[in-house]
Amino acid sequence: MKIPDSIESVITKLASKEFLTYLVSKIPWLSWRFINPIVSWVVSYFVEKLIKHTVLGVNIWLLDSKIDNQTEALNQAIEKAKAITPETSKEEMDKIDAEIEDAARKLIDFSRTRAKS
C-alpha cells in the first residue's frame, strides 16, 4: 500500500496548518511578522518528516505481516508432512507435497509483497 505523493503532500499541508494554528493559539507571539515564517518552516519540516517516517513504518509493518502469514502457512504444511504415517495414501502425500511447495514458493516470491502502485 503506497500513499500517492499528492495525498501525502495534502496531509502534510493540513497537519502543518492545524499544528501551527494550535501553536499560535497557545503562544500568540509566534504569529509576529518576523517569527511566523520561521516557525511555519520548522513546523512543516517536522510534520513532513513525521509523515514520511509513519508511511515508511506502515509499509514495513504490512510487509512484515505478509511474511509472517506466509511463514505460518509453510509451518502448517510442514506439520501436516510430519504427521504422515505408512498408512497415508499416495494422493494425500502428493497433496501435502504440493501444499509445502506452494507455501514455500509464496514465501520466497517477494514480488507478492510489493506495494501495488
N, C-alpha and C. Protein backbone atom coordinates (compact mmCIF):
# COMPACT_ATOMS: atom_id res chain seq x y z
N MET A 1 0.85 -1.18 0.00
CA MET A 1 0.00 0.00 0.00
C MET A 1 0.89 1.23 0.00
N LYS A 2 0.93 1.91 -1.10
CA LYS A 2 1.74 3.12 -1.22
C LYS A 2 0.81 4.31 -1.30
N ILE A 3 1.04 5.29 -0.44
CA ILE A 3 0.23 6.51 -0.47
C ILE A 3 0.77 7.40 -1.58
N PRO A 4 -0.09 7.82 -2.52
CA PRO A 4 0.39 8.70 -3.59
C PRO A 4 0.97 9.99 -3.02
N ASP A 5 1.95 10.53 -3.72
CA ASP A 5 2.63 11.74 -3.24
C ASP A 5 1.68 12.91 -3.06
N SER A 6 0.68 13.02 -3.92
CA SER A 6 -0.24 14.16 -3.81
C SER A 6 -1.05 14.08 -2.51
N ILE A 7 -1.48 12.89 -2.14
CA ILE A 7 -2.23 12.73 -0.89
C ILE A 7 -1.31 13.00 0.29
N GLU A 8 -0.08 12.53 0.19
CA GLU A 8 0.89 12.75 1.26
C GLU A 8 1.16 14.24 1.45
N SER A 9 1.28 14.98 0.36
CA SER A 9 1.53 16.42 0.47
C SER A 9 0.31 17.16 1.04
N VAL A 10 -0.89 16.73 0.67
CA VAL A 10 -2.11 17.35 1.22
C VAL A 10 -2.19 17.10 2.72
N ILE A 11 -1.91 15.88 3.14
CA ILE A 11 -1.94 15.56 4.57
C ILE A 11 -0.88 16.39 5.31
N THR A 12 0.30 16.52 4.71
CA THR A 12 1.37 17.31 5.33
C THR A 12 0.95 18.77 5.49
N LYS A 13 0.37 19.35 4.44
CA LYS A 13 -0.04 20.76 4.50
C LYS A 13 -1.14 20.97 5.54
N LEU A 14 -2.13 20.07 5.56
CA LEU A 14 -3.22 20.22 6.53
C LEU A 14 -2.73 20.06 7.96
N ALA A 15 -1.89 19.06 8.19
CA ALA A 15 -1.37 18.83 9.54
C ALA A 15 -0.50 20.00 9.98
N SER A 16 0.32 20.52 9.08
CA SER A 16 1.17 21.67 9.42
C SER A 16 0.33 22.89 9.78
N LYS A 17 -0.69 23.13 8.97
CA LYS A 17 -1.56 24.28 9.21
C LYS A 17 -2.28 24.16 10.56
N GLU A 18 -2.81 22.98 10.83
CA GLU A 18 -3.53 22.77 12.10
C GLU A 18 -2.59 22.89 13.30
N PHE A 19 -1.40 22.32 13.19
CA PHE A 19 -0.46 22.38 14.30
C PHE A 19 0.02 23.81 14.53
N LEU A 20 0.27 24.54 13.43
CA LEU A 20 0.69 25.94 13.55
C LEU A 20 -0.42 26.78 14.18
N THR A 21 -1.66 26.55 13.79
CA THR A 21 -2.80 27.25 14.39
C THR A 21 -2.87 26.97 15.89
N TYR A 22 -2.67 25.73 16.26
CA TYR A 22 -2.68 25.36 17.68
C TYR A 22 -1.55 26.08 18.43
N LEU A 23 -0.34 26.06 17.84
CA LEU A 23 0.80 26.73 18.50
C LEU A 23 0.55 28.23 18.68
N VAL A 24 0.03 28.88 17.65
CA VAL A 24 -0.22 30.32 17.73
C VAL A 24 -1.31 30.62 18.76
N SER A 25 -2.29 29.71 18.88
CA SER A 25 -3.34 29.95 19.89
C SER A 25 -2.78 29.82 21.31
N LYS A 26 -1.78 29.01 21.49
CA LYS A 26 -1.17 28.84 22.81
C LYS A 26 -0.05 29.85 23.08
N ILE A 27 0.68 30.22 22.02
CA ILE A 27 1.81 31.16 22.15
C ILE A 27 1.60 32.26 21.10
N PRO A 28 0.84 33.30 21.42
CA PRO A 28 0.44 34.31 20.43
C PRO A 28 1.61 35.02 19.72
N TRP A 29 2.74 35.20 20.38
CA TRP A 29 3.82 35.92 19.74
C TRP A 29 4.45 35.15 18.58
N LEU A 30 4.09 33.87 18.39
CA LEU A 30 4.58 33.12 17.23
C LEU A 30 3.97 33.62 15.92
N SER A 31 2.91 34.43 16.03
CA SER A 31 2.29 34.97 14.82
C SER A 31 2.90 36.30 14.39
N TRP A 32 3.89 36.79 15.12
CA TRP A 32 4.55 38.04 14.74
C TRP A 32 5.16 37.91 13.34
N ARG A 33 5.22 39.01 12.68
CA ARG A 33 5.61 39.09 11.28
C ARG A 33 6.96 38.44 10.96
N PHE A 34 7.94 38.59 11.80
CA PHE A 34 9.27 38.06 11.50
C PHE A 34 9.49 36.64 12.04
N ILE A 35 8.68 36.25 13.01
CA ILE A 35 8.84 34.93 13.62
C ILE A 35 8.00 33.88 12.90
N ASN A 36 6.82 34.27 12.44
CA ASN A 36 5.89 33.32 11.85
C ASN A 36 6.46 32.52 10.67
N PRO A 37 7.16 33.12 9.71
CA PRO A 37 7.72 32.31 8.61
C PRO A 37 8.71 31.24 9.08
N ILE A 38 9.50 31.59 10.06
CA ILE A 38 10.48 30.63 10.58
C ILE A 38 9.76 29.49 11.29
N VAL A 39 8.80 29.82 12.13
CA VAL A 39 8.04 28.80 12.85
C VAL A 39 7.26 27.93 11.86
N SER A 40 6.68 28.56 10.83
CA SER A 40 5.95 27.80 9.81
C SER A 40 6.86 26.79 9.12
N TRP A 41 8.08 27.22 8.77
CA TRP A 41 9.01 26.32 8.11
C TRP A 41 9.40 25.15 9.02
N VAL A 42 9.68 25.46 10.28
CA VAL A 42 10.09 24.42 11.23
C VAL A 42 8.95 23.41 11.43
N VAL A 43 7.74 23.90 11.60
CA VAL A 43 6.59 23.01 11.79
C VAL A 43 6.39 22.15 10.54
N SER A 44 6.43 22.76 9.37
CA SER A 44 6.27 22.00 8.11
C SER A 44 7.35 20.94 7.95
N TYR A 45 8.56 21.29 8.29
CA TYR A 45 9.69 20.36 8.18
C TYR A 45 9.47 19.13 9.06
N PHE A 46 9.13 19.37 10.32
CA PHE A 46 8.96 18.24 11.24
C PHE A 46 7.71 17.42 10.94
N VAL A 47 6.65 18.06 10.51
CA VAL A 47 5.43 17.32 10.15
C VAL A 47 5.71 16.45 8.93
N GLU A 48 6.43 16.99 7.95
CA GLU A 48 6.77 16.22 6.75
C GLU A 48 7.62 15.00 7.11
N LYS A 49 8.61 15.19 7.97
CA LYS A 49 9.45 14.06 8.40
C LYS A 49 8.62 13.02 9.14
N LEU A 50 7.75 13.48 10.02
CA LEU A 50 6.89 12.58 10.79
C LEU A 50 6.01 11.75 9.86
N ILE A 51 5.40 12.39 8.88
CA ILE A 51 4.52 11.67 7.96
C ILE A 51 5.31 10.69 7.10
N LYS A 52 6.47 11.10 6.60
CA LYS A 52 7.27 10.18 5.79
C LYS A 52 7.70 8.95 6.59
N HIS A 53 8.10 9.16 7.84
CA HIS A 53 8.50 8.02 8.68
C HIS A 53 7.30 7.16 9.04
N THR A 54 6.15 7.76 9.22
CA THR A 54 4.94 7.00 9.51
C THR A 54 4.56 6.13 8.33
N VAL A 55 4.61 6.69 7.12
CA VAL A 55 4.30 5.93 5.91
C VAL A 55 5.29 4.78 5.75
N LEU A 56 6.57 5.05 5.98
CA LEU A 56 7.59 4.00 5.90
C LEU A 56 7.31 2.91 6.93
N GLY A 57 6.97 3.31 8.15
CA GLY A 57 6.66 2.34 9.20
C GLY A 57 5.47 1.47 8.86
N VAL A 58 4.43 2.08 8.30
CA VAL A 58 3.23 1.32 7.91
C VAL A 58 3.58 0.33 6.81
N ASN A 59 4.37 0.76 5.82
CA ASN A 59 4.76 -0.15 4.74
C ASN A 59 5.59 -1.33 5.27
N ILE A 60 6.52 -1.06 6.18
CA ILE A 60 7.32 -2.13 6.78
C ILE A 60 6.44 -3.07 7.58
N TRP A 61 5.50 -2.53 8.34
CA TRP A 61 4.59 -3.36 9.13
C TRP A 61 3.75 -4.27 8.22
N LEU A 62 3.24 -3.72 7.10
CA LEU A 62 2.45 -4.53 6.17
C LEU A 62 3.29 -5.64 5.56
N LEU A 63 4.52 -5.32 5.18
CA LEU A 63 5.42 -6.32 4.61
C LEU A 63 5.71 -7.41 5.63
N ASP A 64 5.98 -7.02 6.86
CA ASP A 64 6.29 -7.97 7.92
C ASP A 64 5.10 -8.88 8.20
N SER A 65 3.89 -8.33 8.22
CA SER A 65 2.72 -9.15 8.50
C SER A 65 2.45 -10.14 7.37
N LYS A 66 2.71 -9.72 6.12
CA LYS A 66 2.54 -10.65 4.99
C LYS A 66 3.53 -11.80 5.09
N ILE A 67 4.78 -11.49 5.42
CA ILE A 67 5.79 -12.53 5.54
C ILE A 67 5.45 -13.47 6.70
N ASP A 68 4.96 -12.92 7.82
CA ASP A 68 4.56 -13.76 8.95
C ASP A 68 3.44 -14.72 8.55
N ASN A 69 2.47 -14.24 7.79
CA ASN A 69 1.36 -15.10 7.34
C ASN A 69 1.87 -16.21 6.43
N GLN A 70 2.79 -15.86 5.53
CA GLN A 70 3.32 -16.86 4.62
C GLN A 70 4.19 -17.89 5.36
N THR A 71 4.93 -17.45 6.37
CA THR A 71 5.74 -18.36 7.17
C THR A 71 4.83 -19.31 7.95
N GLU A 72 3.75 -18.78 8.50
CA GLU A 72 2.80 -19.62 9.24
C GLU A 72 2.19 -20.68 8.32
N ALA A 73 1.85 -20.31 7.09
CA ALA A 73 1.29 -21.28 6.14
C ALA A 73 2.30 -22.38 5.84
N LEU A 74 3.57 -22.02 5.69
CA LEU A 74 4.61 -23.03 5.44
C LEU A 74 4.77 -23.94 6.66
N ASN A 75 4.77 -23.38 7.84
CA ASN A 75 4.89 -24.20 9.06
C ASN A 75 3.73 -25.17 9.21
N GLN A 76 2.53 -24.72 8.87
CA GLN A 76 1.36 -25.62 8.93
C GLN A 76 1.49 -26.76 7.93
N ALA A 77 1.97 -26.46 6.74
CA ALA A 77 2.17 -27.51 5.73
C ALA A 77 3.24 -28.50 6.18
N ILE A 78 4.28 -28.01 6.82
CA ILE A 78 5.34 -28.90 7.33
C ILE A 78 4.80 -29.78 8.44
N GLU A 79 3.95 -29.23 9.31
CA GLU A 79 3.34 -30.04 10.38
C GLU A 79 2.49 -31.16 9.79
N LYS A 80 1.78 -30.89 8.70
CA LYS A 80 1.00 -31.93 8.04
C LYS A 80 1.93 -33.03 7.51
N ALA A 81 3.09 -32.61 6.98
CA ALA A 81 4.05 -33.59 6.45
C ALA A 81 4.61 -34.45 7.56
N LYS A 82 4.80 -33.85 8.74
CA LYS A 82 5.32 -34.62 9.88
C LYS A 82 4.32 -35.67 10.34
N ALA A 83 3.05 -35.43 10.06
CA ALA A 83 2.01 -36.35 10.51
C ALA A 83 1.79 -37.53 9.54
N ILE A 84 2.58 -37.60 8.49
CA ILE A 84 2.44 -38.70 7.52
C ILE A 84 2.83 -40.02 8.18
N THR A 85 2.00 -41.00 7.98
CA THR A 85 2.26 -42.34 8.51
C THR A 85 2.37 -43.31 7.34
N PRO A 86 2.82 -44.52 7.59
CA PRO A 86 2.89 -45.51 6.50
C PRO A 86 1.53 -45.80 5.86
N GLU A 87 0.46 -45.55 6.61
CA GLU A 87 -0.88 -45.80 6.07
C GLU A 87 -1.39 -44.65 5.19
N THR A 88 -0.66 -43.55 5.12
CA THR A 88 -1.10 -42.39 4.33
C THR A 88 -1.07 -42.75 2.85
N SER A 89 -2.16 -42.41 2.16
CA SER A 89 -2.25 -42.76 0.74
C SER A 89 -1.33 -41.87 -0.10
N LYS A 90 -1.04 -42.35 -1.31
CA LYS A 90 -0.18 -41.62 -2.23
C LYS A 90 -0.80 -40.27 -2.61
N GLU A 91 -2.12 -40.23 -2.77
CA GLU A 91 -2.80 -38.98 -3.14
C GLU A 91 -2.65 -37.93 -2.02
N GLU A 92 -2.81 -38.38 -0.78
CA GLU A 92 -2.66 -37.45 0.35
C GLU A 92 -1.23 -36.93 0.44
N MET A 93 -0.25 -37.81 0.22
CA MET A 93 1.15 -37.39 0.26
C MET A 93 1.45 -36.38 -0.85
N ASP A 94 0.90 -36.63 -2.04
CA ASP A 94 1.10 -35.69 -3.15
C ASP A 94 0.45 -34.34 -2.84
N LYS A 95 -0.71 -34.37 -2.19
CA LYS A 95 -1.40 -33.14 -1.83
C LYS A 95 -0.58 -32.34 -0.81
N ILE A 96 -0.02 -33.05 0.19
CA ILE A 96 0.80 -32.38 1.21
C ILE A 96 2.08 -31.82 0.58
N ASP A 97 2.70 -32.57 -0.34
CA ASP A 97 3.89 -32.07 -1.04
C ASP A 97 3.57 -30.80 -1.83
N ALA A 98 2.42 -30.80 -2.48
CA ALA A 98 2.02 -29.62 -3.25
C ALA A 98 1.78 -28.41 -2.34
N GLU A 99 1.17 -28.67 -1.15
CA GLU A 99 0.95 -27.58 -0.20
C GLU A 99 2.26 -26.99 0.29
N ILE A 100 3.23 -27.84 0.60
CA ILE A 100 4.54 -27.36 1.05
C ILE A 100 5.22 -26.57 -0.05
N GLU A 101 5.19 -27.08 -1.26
CA GLU A 101 5.82 -26.39 -2.38
C GLU A 101 5.16 -25.04 -2.63
N ASP A 102 3.84 -24.99 -2.59
CA ASP A 102 3.10 -23.73 -2.81
C ASP A 102 3.41 -22.72 -1.70
N ALA A 103 3.41 -23.17 -0.45
CA ALA A 103 3.70 -22.28 0.67
C ALA A 103 5.13 -21.75 0.60
N ALA A 104 6.07 -22.61 0.26
CA ALA A 104 7.47 -22.18 0.14
C ALA A 104 7.63 -21.19 -1.01
N ARG A 105 6.96 -21.44 -2.11
CA ARG A 105 7.04 -20.55 -3.26
C ARG A 105 6.48 -19.17 -2.91
N LYS A 106 5.37 -19.13 -2.18
CA LYS A 106 4.78 -17.84 -1.78
C LYS A 106 5.70 -17.08 -0.83
N LEU A 107 6.37 -17.80 0.05
CA LEU A 107 7.28 -17.15 1.00
C LEU A 107 8.50 -16.57 0.28
N ILE A 108 9.00 -17.29 -0.70
CA ILE A 108 10.22 -16.87 -1.40
C ILE A 108 9.92 -15.81 -2.47
N ASP A 109 8.70 -15.81 -3.01
CA ASP A 109 8.34 -14.88 -4.09
C ASP A 109 8.06 -13.49 -3.51
N PHE A 110 9.08 -12.65 -3.45
CA PHE A 110 8.95 -11.31 -2.85
C PHE A 110 8.10 -10.37 -3.69
N SER A 111 7.85 -10.71 -4.95
CA SER A 111 7.03 -9.82 -5.78
C SER A 111 5.59 -9.75 -5.26
N ARG A 112 5.16 -10.74 -4.50
CA ARG A 112 3.81 -10.72 -3.93
C ARG A 112 3.70 -9.73 -2.76
N THR A 113 4.82 -9.35 -2.20
CA THR A 113 4.78 -8.46 -1.04
C THR A 113 4.99 -7.00 -1.41
N ARG A 114 5.24 -6.71 -2.66
CA ARG A 114 5.45 -5.33 -3.08
C ARG A 114 4.12 -4.58 -3.07
N ALA A 115 4.21 -3.30 -2.81
CA ALA A 115 3.02 -2.45 -2.83
C ALA A 115 2.58 -2.25 -4.26
N LYS A 116 1.29 -2.29 -4.48
CA LYS A 116 0.73 -2.03 -5.81
C LYS A 116 0.68 -0.53 -6.01
N SER A 117 1.17 -0.08 -7.15
CA SER A 117 1.12 1.37 -7.40
C SER A 117 0.45 1.68 -8.71
